[in-house]
Amino acid sequence: MFIIFIATAVRSTFGFGEALIAVPLLAFFLPLNVAAPLAVLVSITVALVVVAQDWRHVHVASAGWLVLATLFGIPLGLCLLTSSHQEMVKAALGVLIIAFSAYALIGRAPLQLDRDSRPWLLACGFVAGVLGGAYGMNGPPLAVYGTMRRWSAQQFRATLQGYFLAASLIGMCGYWAAGLWTAPVTRYFYCRCPRPLRGFCLAGSSTGGCTGTVS
C-alpha cells in the first residue's frame, strides 16, 4: 500500500508524522475506525525497530510522563471515534491537520524549556492521548514539546519512539476493548503493510547519523 510506504518513510526520517499522512488518506478508502487502528499497528512496528536501535537516546523521564498523561486522554479519543457523528469527527481531523500545518509553516520559535516542565508534559501527553484514541495521531503535541525542549534530532526521534511504543500498545488495548481491533484491521496490516515498511528501513538507514537540534 503506497500510502503506508510514504507514511513510514516520513515517520522514520522525522520521528513522527506517519498518521498525519496515513489516516486522512486511508479514510478515503477505509472507515475511520479501521484506518486509525491500522495506523497504530504500523506505529508499533516502526517504534520497535527505532527503540531497538536508539534506546540510549531516549529521555525516559519525559517519555514516562507523556505516557502517563496519555492514559487519561485515550478514553476521550475513543469516545470520539465510536460516536455516531463520524462526519464531525472527520471534519475535526481536517481542522487539526490545517492547524498543525499552519503552526509548522509559520516558523516562529516557540517557548524554550531548559528542563522538563511537568505541566507541559501532562498537557501535551493528554492531548496526544485524545488524538491517538480518535485518529491514531499522537504526534503533533509531542513535536511541539520536543521543539520547546530543543532536543537533538537523535533525542527527538528516539524519545518519540519510546513514547509511541508504550502509548500505541496501550492504544491498541483500548481499541480491542472498544471492539475496534477487528479482523479487517489485522488483515490489512498483515497483507498490506510488510512491503511498505521497507520505506522505513530505507529512510531509517539514512537518518542513523542525524545530528543537530530540533527547532
C-alpha atoms as a PDB file:
ATOM      1  CA  MET A   1       0.000   0.000   0.000  1.00  0.00           C
ATOM      2  CA  PHE A   2       1.699   3.162  -1.256  1.00  0.00           C
ATOM      3  CA  ILE A   3       0.146   5.337   1.460  1.00  0.00           C
ATOM      4  CA  ILE A   4       1.736   3.245   4.223  1.00  0.00           C
ATOM      5  CA  PHE A   5       5.073   3.238   2.381  1.00  0.00           C
ATOM      6  CA  ILE A   6       5.225   7.041   2.280  1.00  0.00           C
ATOM      7  CA  ALA A   7       3.919   7.387   5.826  1.00  0.00           C
ATOM      8  CA  THR A   8       6.521   5.057   7.335  1.00  0.00           C
ATOM      9  CA  ALA A   9       9.314   6.777   5.386  1.00  0.00           C
ATOM     10  CA  VAL A  10       8.230  10.113   6.882  1.00  0.00           C
ATOM     11  CA  ARG A  11       7.980   8.610  10.374  1.00  0.00           C
ATOM     12  CA  SER A  12      11.441   7.052  10.233  1.00  0.00           C
ATOM     13  CA  THR A  13      13.001  10.299   8.998  1.00  0.00           C
ATOM     14  CA  PHE A  14      11.343  12.828  11.316  1.00  0.00           C
ATOM     15  CA  GLY A  15      10.281  10.641  14.261  1.00  0.00           C
ATOM     16  CA  PHE A  16       6.549  11.242  13.811  1.00  0.00           C
ATOM     17  CA  GLY A  17       4.025  12.168  11.138  1.00  0.00           C
ATOM     18  CA  GLU A  18       3.002   8.862   9.591  1.00  0.00           C
ATOM     19  CA  ALA A  19      -0.525   9.143  10.969  1.00  0.00           C
ATOM     20  CA  LEU A  20      -0.852  12.715   9.687  1.00  0.00           C
ATOM     21  CA  ILE A  21      -0.342  11.272   6.210  1.00  0.00           C
ATOM     22  CA  ALA A  22      -1.827   7.802   6.501  1.00  0.00           C
ATOM     23  CA  VAL A  23      -5.080   8.339   8.419  1.00  0.00           C
ATOM     24  CA  PRO A  24      -6.595  11.138   6.264  1.00  0.00           C
ATOM     25  CA  LEU A  25      -5.695   9.330   3.032  1.00  0.00           C
ATOM     26  CA  LEU A  26      -6.757   5.890   4.246  1.00  0.00           C
ATOM     27  CA  ALA A  27     -10.069   7.414   5.360  1.00  0.00           C
ATOM     28  CA  PHE A  28     -10.916   7.904   1.667  1.00  0.00           C
ATOM     29  CA  PHE A  29     -10.786   4.118   1.184  1.00  0.00           C
ATOM     30  CA  LEU A  30     -11.451   2.656   4.642  1.00  0.00           C
ATOM     31  CA  PRO A  31     -13.765   3.532   7.532  1.00  0.00           C
ATOM     32  CA  LEU A  32     -12.059   5.768  10.084  1.00  0.00           C
ATOM     33  CA  ASN A  33     -12.494   3.082  12.746  1.00  0.00           C
ATOM     34  CA  VAL A  34     -10.342   0.788  10.584  1.00  0.00           C
ATOM     35  CA  ALA A  35      -7.802   3.383   9.429  1.00  0.00           C
ATOM     36  CA  ALA A  36      -6.950   4.596  12.957  1.00  0.00           C
ATOM     37  CA  PRO A  37      -6.161   1.153  14.484  1.00  0.00           C
ATOM     38  CA  LEU A  38      -4.224   0.237  11.335  1.00  0.00           C
ATOM     39  CA  ALA A  39      -2.076   3.353  11.737  1.00  0.00           C
ATOM     40  CA  VAL A  40      -1.403   2.429  15.363  1.00  0.00           C
ATOM     41  CA  LEU A  41      -0.282  -1.100  14.431  1.00  0.00           C
ATOM     42  CA  VAL A  42       2.155   0.434  11.937  1.00  0.00           C
ATOM     43  CA  SER A  43       3.312   2.820  14.685  1.00  0.00           C
ATOM     44  CA  ILE A  44       4.115  -0.102  16.998  1.00  0.00           C
ATOM     45  CA  THR A  45       6.140  -1.833  14.285  1.00  0.00           C
ATOM     46  CA  VAL A  46       8.214   1.249  13.471  1.00  0.00           C
ATOM     47  CA  ALA A  47       8.728   2.176  17.127  1.00  0.00           C
ATOM     48  CA  LEU A  48      10.021  -1.309  17.966  1.00  0.00           C
ATOM     49  CA  VAL A  49      12.751  -1.046  15.365  1.00  0.00           C
ATOM     50  CA  VAL A  50      13.795   2.514  16.260  1.00  0.00           C
ATOM     51  CA  VAL A  51      13.856   1.887  20.018  1.00  0.00           C
ATOM     52  CA  ALA A  52      15.992  -1.224  19.459  1.00  0.00           C
ATOM     53  CA  GLN A  53      18.470   0.952  17.539  1.00  0.00           C
ATOM     54  CA  ASP A  54      18.399   4.207  19.523  1.00  0.00           C
ATOM     55  CA  TRP A  55      17.302   3.293  23.060  1.00  0.00           C
ATOM     56  CA  ARG A  56      20.316   5.071  24.570  1.00  0.00           C
ATOM     57  CA  HIS A  57      18.985   8.426  23.335  1.00  0.00           C
ATOM     58  CA  VAL A  58      15.503   8.082  24.864  1.00  0.00           C
ATOM     59  CA  HIS A  59      14.614  10.668  27.547  1.00  0.00           C
ATOM     60  CA  VAL A  60      12.986   8.079  29.784  1.00  0.00           C
ATOM     61  CA  ALA A  61      11.528  10.529  32.318  1.00  0.00           C
ATOM     62  CA  SER A  62       9.963  12.716  29.610  1.00  0.00           C
ATOM     63  CA  ALA A  63       8.517   9.731  27.775  1.00  0.00           C
ATOM     64  CA  GLY A  64       7.166   8.298  31.035  1.00  0.00           C
ATOM     65  CA  TRP A  65       5.254  11.449  31.995  1.00  0.00           C
ATOM     66  CA  LEU A  66       3.890  11.808  28.469  1.00  0.00           C
ATOM     67  CA  VAL A  67       2.649   8.213  28.504  1.00  0.00           C
ATOM     68  CA  LEU A  68       1.072   8.676  31.938  1.00  0.00           C
ATOM     69  CA  ALA A  69      -0.921  11.690  30.748  1.00  0.00           C
ATOM     70  CA  THR A  70      -1.846   9.867  27.548  1.00  0.00           C
ATOM     71  CA  LEU A  71      -3.615   7.180  29.617  1.00  0.00           C
ATOM     72  CA  PHE A  72      -6.229   9.761  30.576  1.00  0.00           C
ATOM     73  CA  GLY A  73      -6.654  11.119  27.052  1.00  0.00           C
ATOM     74  CA  ILE A  74      -7.138   7.850  25.173  1.00  0.00           C
ATOM     75  CA  PRO A  75     -10.650   7.100  26.558  1.00  0.00           C
ATOM     76  CA  LEU A  76     -11.888  10.510  25.410  1.00  0.00           C
ATOM     77  CA  GLY A  77     -10.418   9.911  21.964  1.00  0.00           C
ATOM     78  CA  LEU A  78     -12.099   6.508  21.777  1.00  0.00           C
ATOM     79  CA  CYS A  79     -15.429   8.135  22.634  1.00  0.00           C
ATOM     80  CA  LEU A  80     -14.977  10.460  19.664  1.00  0.00           C
ATOM     81  CA  LEU A  81     -14.032   7.605  17.344  1.00  0.00           C
ATOM     82  CA  THR A  82     -17.027   5.481  18.318  1.00  0.00           C
ATOM     83  CA  SER A  83     -19.533   8.343  18.294  1.00  0.00           C
ATOM     84  CA  SER A  84     -22.365   8.431  15.794  1.00  0.00           C
ATOM     85  CA  HIS A  85     -21.204  11.782  14.395  1.00  0.00           C
ATOM     86  CA  GLN A  86     -18.430  10.497  12.146  1.00  0.00           C
ATOM     87  CA  GLU A  87     -18.702  13.395   9.690  1.00  0.00           C
ATOM     88  CA  MET A  88     -17.956  15.813  12.510  1.00  0.00           C
ATOM     89  CA  VAL A  89     -15.050  13.649  13.667  1.00  0.00           C
ATOM     90  CA  LYS A  90     -13.594  13.686  10.139  1.00  0.00           C
ATOM     91  CA  ALA A  91     -14.111  17.445   9.924  1.00  0.00           C
ATOM     92  CA  ALA A  92     -12.224  17.862  13.202  1.00  0.00           C
ATOM     93  CA  LEU A  93      -9.404  15.784  11.720  1.00  0.00           C
ATOM     94  CA  GLY A  94      -9.204  18.212   8.791  1.00  0.00           C
ATOM     95  CA  VAL A  95      -9.093  21.195  11.128  1.00  0.00           C
ATOM     96  CA  LEU A  96      -6.317  19.535  13.139  1.00  0.00           C
ATOM     97  CA  ILE A  97      -4.175  18.925  10.052  1.00  0.00           C
ATOM     98  CA  ILE A  98      -4.645  22.502   8.824  1.00  0.00           C
ATOM     99  CA  ALA A  99      -3.828  23.934  12.271  1.00  0.00           C
ATOM    100  CA  PHE A 100      -0.652  21.881  12.690  1.00  0.00           C
ATOM    101  CA  SER A 101       0.463  22.662   9.134  1.00  0.00           C
ATOM    102  CA  ALA A 102      -0.022  26.379   9.799  1.00  0.00           C
ATOM    103  CA  TYR A 103       1.956  26.076  13.030  1.00  0.00           C
ATOM    104  CA  ALA A 104       4.816  24.357  11.188  1.00  0.00           C
ATOM    105  CA  LEU A 105       4.811  26.829   8.290  1.00  0.00           C
ATOM    106  CA  ILE A 106       4.730  29.993  10.414  1.00  0.00           C
ATOM    107  CA  GLY A 107       8.169  29.023  11.684  1.00  0.00           C
ATOM    108  CA  ARG A 108       8.155  31.210  14.788  1.00  0.00           C
ATOM    109  CA  ALA A 109      10.446  29.976  17.541  1.00  0.00           C
ATOM    110  CA  PRO A 110       8.266  28.517  20.312  1.00  0.00           C
ATOM    111  CA  LEU A 111       8.799  28.869  24.023  1.00  0.00           C
ATOM    112  CA  GLN A 112      12.116  27.306  25.074  1.00  0.00           C
ATOM    113  CA  LEU A 113      12.228  24.927  28.029  1.00  0.00           C
ATOM    114  CA  ASP A 114      15.673  24.380  29.559  1.00  0.00           C
ATOM    115  CA  ARG A 115      14.370  21.447  31.599  1.00  0.00           C
ATOM    116  CA  ASP A 116      11.300  19.246  31.664  1.00  0.00           C
ATOM    117  CA  SER A 117       8.112  21.082  32.619  1.00  0.00           C
ATOM    118  CA  ARG A 118       5.572  18.866  34.384  1.00  0.00           C
ATOM    119  CA  PRO A 119       2.544  20.973  33.298  1.00  0.00           C
ATOM    120  CA  TRP A 120       3.660  20.975  29.649  1.00  0.00           C
ATOM    121  CA  LEU A 121       4.410  17.241  29.753  1.00  0.00           C
ATOM    122  CA  LEU A 122       0.979  16.456  31.174  1.00  0.00           C
ATOM    123  CA  ALA A 123      -0.856  18.816  28.802  1.00  0.00           C
ATOM    124  CA  CYS A 124       0.934  17.558  25.681  1.00  0.00           C
ATOM    125  CA  GLY A 125       0.569  13.932  26.788  1.00  0.00           C
ATOM    126  CA  PHE A 126      -3.154  14.309  27.445  1.00  0.00           C
ATOM    127  CA  VAL A 127      -3.832  15.961  24.077  1.00  0.00           C
ATOM    128  CA  ALA A 128      -1.687  13.304  22.390  1.00  0.00           C
ATOM    129  CA  GLY A 129      -3.830  10.643  24.049  1.00  0.00           C
ATOM    130  CA  VAL A 130      -7.058  12.208  22.806  1.00  0.00           C
ATOM    131  CA  LEU A 131      -5.705  12.470  19.257  1.00  0.00           C
ATOM    132  CA  GLY A 132      -4.247   8.969  19.456  1.00  0.00           C
ATOM    133  CA  GLY A 133      -7.517   7.442  20.610  1.00  0.00           C
ATOM    134  CA  ALA A 134      -9.563   9.265  17.993  1.00  0.00           C
ATOM    135  CA  TYR A 135      -7.225   9.169  14.996  1.00  0.00           C
ATOM    136  CA  GLY A 136      -4.116   7.149  15.901  1.00  0.00           C
ATOM    137  CA  MET A 137      -2.352  10.512  15.582  1.00  0.00           C
ATOM    138  CA  ASN A 138      -0.420  11.241  18.788  1.00  0.00           C
ATOM    139  CA  GLY A 139       2.459  13.099  17.160  1.00  0.00           C
ATOM    140  CA  PRO A 140       1.656  16.835  16.882  1.00  0.00           C
ATOM    141  CA  PRO A 141       1.605  17.699  20.619  1.00  0.00           C
ATOM    142  CA  LEU A 142       4.784  15.660  21.122  1.00  0.00           C
ATOM    143  CA  ALA A 143       6.511  17.507  18.294  1.00  0.00           C
ATOM    144  CA  VAL A 144       5.584  20.808  19.946  1.00  0.00           C
ATOM    145  CA  TYR A 145       7.047  19.678  23.282  1.00  0.00           C
ATOM    146  CA  GLY A 146      10.223  18.269  21.724  1.00  0.00           C
ATOM    147  CA  THR A 147      10.746  21.534  19.863  1.00  0.00           C
ATOM    148  CA  MET A 148      10.345  23.567  23.064  1.00  0.00           C
ATOM    149  CA  ARG A 149      12.900  21.332  24.785  1.00  0.00           C
ATOM    150  CA  ARG A 150      15.350  21.776  21.889  1.00  0.00           C
ATOM    151  CA  TRP A 151      16.176  18.081  21.801  1.00  0.00           C
ATOM    152  CA  SER A 152      18.774  16.972  19.292  1.00  0.00           C
ATOM    153  CA  ALA A 153      17.458  15.161  16.230  1.00  0.00           C
ATOM    154  CA  GLN A 154      18.525  11.787  17.678  1.00  0.00           C
ATOM    155  CA  GLN A 155      16.976  12.524  21.070  1.00  0.00           C
ATOM    156  CA  PHE A 156      13.772  13.773  19.446  1.00  0.00           C
ATOM    157  CA  ARG A 157      13.427  10.710  17.234  1.00  0.00           C
ATOM    158  CA  ALA A 158      14.337   8.181  19.941  1.00  0.00           C
ATOM    159  CA  THR A 159      12.210   9.726  22.719  1.00  0.00           C
ATOM    160  CA  LEU A 160       9.151   9.945  20.496  1.00  0.00           C
ATOM    161  CA  GLN A 161       9.554   6.301  19.507  1.00  0.00           C
ATOM    162  CA  GLY A 162       9.887   5.279  23.146  1.00  0.00           C
ATOM    163  CA  TYR A 163       6.638   7.107  23.796  1.00  0.00           C
ATOM    164  CA  PHE A 164       4.937   5.718  20.696  1.00  0.00           C
ATOM    165  CA  LEU A 165       5.846   2.145  21.575  1.00  0.00           C
ATOM    166  CA  ALA A 166       4.227   2.330  25.015  1.00  0.00           C
ATOM    167  CA  ALA A 167       1.314   4.576  24.052  1.00  0.00           C
ATOM    168  CA  SER A 168       0.477   2.631  20.899  1.00  0.00           C
ATOM    169  CA  LEU A 169       0.395  -0.675  22.772  1.00  0.00           C
ATOM    170  CA  ILE A 170      -1.966   0.905  25.303  1.00  0.00           C
ATOM    171  CA  GLY A 171      -3.999   2.386  22.455  1.00  0.00           C
ATOM    172  CA  MET A 172      -4.405  -0.995  20.770  1.00  0.00           C
ATOM    173  CA  CYS A 173      -5.658  -2.418  24.072  1.00  0.00           C
ATOM    174  CA  GLY A 174      -8.206   0.380  24.096  1.00  0.00           C
ATOM    175  CA  TYR A 175      -9.238  -0.375  20.514  1.00  0.00           C
ATOM    176  CA  TRP A 176      -9.608  -4.048  21.426  1.00  0.00           C
ATOM    177  CA  ALA A 177     -11.724  -3.212  24.488  1.00  0.00           C
ATOM    178  CA  ALA A 178     -13.924  -0.952  22.341  1.00  0.00           C
ATOM    179  CA  GLY A 179     -14.322  -3.666  19.703  1.00  0.00           C
ATOM    180  CA  LEU A 180     -12.339  -1.704  17.093  1.00  0.00           C
ATOM    181  CA  TRP A 181      -9.395  -4.105  16.706  1.00  0.00           C
ATOM    182  CA  THR A 182     -11.244  -6.283  14.252  1.00  0.00           C
ATOM    183  CA  ALA A 183     -10.322  -8.962  11.717  1.00  0.00           C
ATOM    184  CA  PRO A 184     -10.236  -6.437   8.807  1.00  0.00           C
ATOM    185  CA  VAL A 185      -7.702  -4.306  10.708  1.00  0.00           C
ATOM    186  CA  THR A 186      -5.414  -7.287  11.278  1.00  0.00           C
ATOM    187  CA  ARG A 187      -5.865  -8.486   7.714  1.00  0.00           C
ATOM    188  CA  TYR A 188      -4.952  -5.111   6.241  1.00  0.00           C
ATOM    189  CA  PHE A 189      -1.890  -4.945   8.474  1.00  0.00           C
ATOM    190  CA  TYR A 190      -0.525  -8.379   7.576  1.00  0.00           C
ATOM    191  CA  CYS A 191      -1.444  -8.283   3.890  1.00  0.00           C
ATOM    192  CA  ARG A 192      -0.683  -4.674   3.033  1.00  0.00           C
ATOM    193  CA  CYS A 193       2.000  -3.421   5.394  1.00  0.00           C
ATOM    194  CA  PRO A 194       5.119  -5.643   5.181  1.00  0.00           C
ATOM    195  CA  ARG A 195       6.188  -4.315   1.763  1.00  0.00           C
ATOM    196  CA  PRO A 196       5.552  -0.626   2.543  1.00  0.00           C
ATOM    197  CA  LEU A 197       7.509  -0.971   5.773  1.00  0.00           C
ATOM    198  CA  ARG A 198      10.607  -1.263   3.601  1.00  0.00           C
ATOM    199  CA  GLY A 199      10.232   2.502   3.307  1.00  0.00           C
ATOM    200  CA  PHE A 200      11.002   2.703   6.990  1.00  0.00           C
ATOM    201  CA  CYS A 201      14.149   0.607   6.620  1.00  0.00           C
ATOM    202  CA  LEU A 202      15.304   2.693   3.649  1.00  0.00           C
ATOM    203  CA  ALA A 203      14.765   6.054   5.346  1.00  0.00           C
ATOM    204  CA  GLY A 204      15.894   4.813   8.742  1.00  0.00           C
ATOM    205  CA  SER A 205      19.279   3.800   7.369  1.00  0.00           C
ATOM    206  CA  SER A 206      19.764   7.317   6.017  1.00  0.00           C
ATOM    207  CA  THR A 207      18.966   9.040   9.332  1.00  0.00           C
ATOM    208  CA  GLY A 208      21.123   6.973  11.645  1.00  0.00           C
ATOM    209  CA  GLY A 209      23.724   9.713  11.803  1.00  0.00           C
ATOM    210  CA  CYS A 210      21.400  12.694  12.158  1.00  0.00           C
ATOM    211  CA  THR A 211      22.734  15.467  14.334  1.00  0.00           C
ATOM    212  CA  GLY A 212      21.607  18.958  15.201  1.00  0.00           C
ATOM    213  CA  THR A 213      18.740  20.302  17.219  1.00  0.00           C
ATOM    214  CA  VAL A 214      15.021  20.297  16.561  1.00  0.00           C
ATOM    215  CA  SER A 215      13.849  23.884  16.205  1.00  0.00           C
END
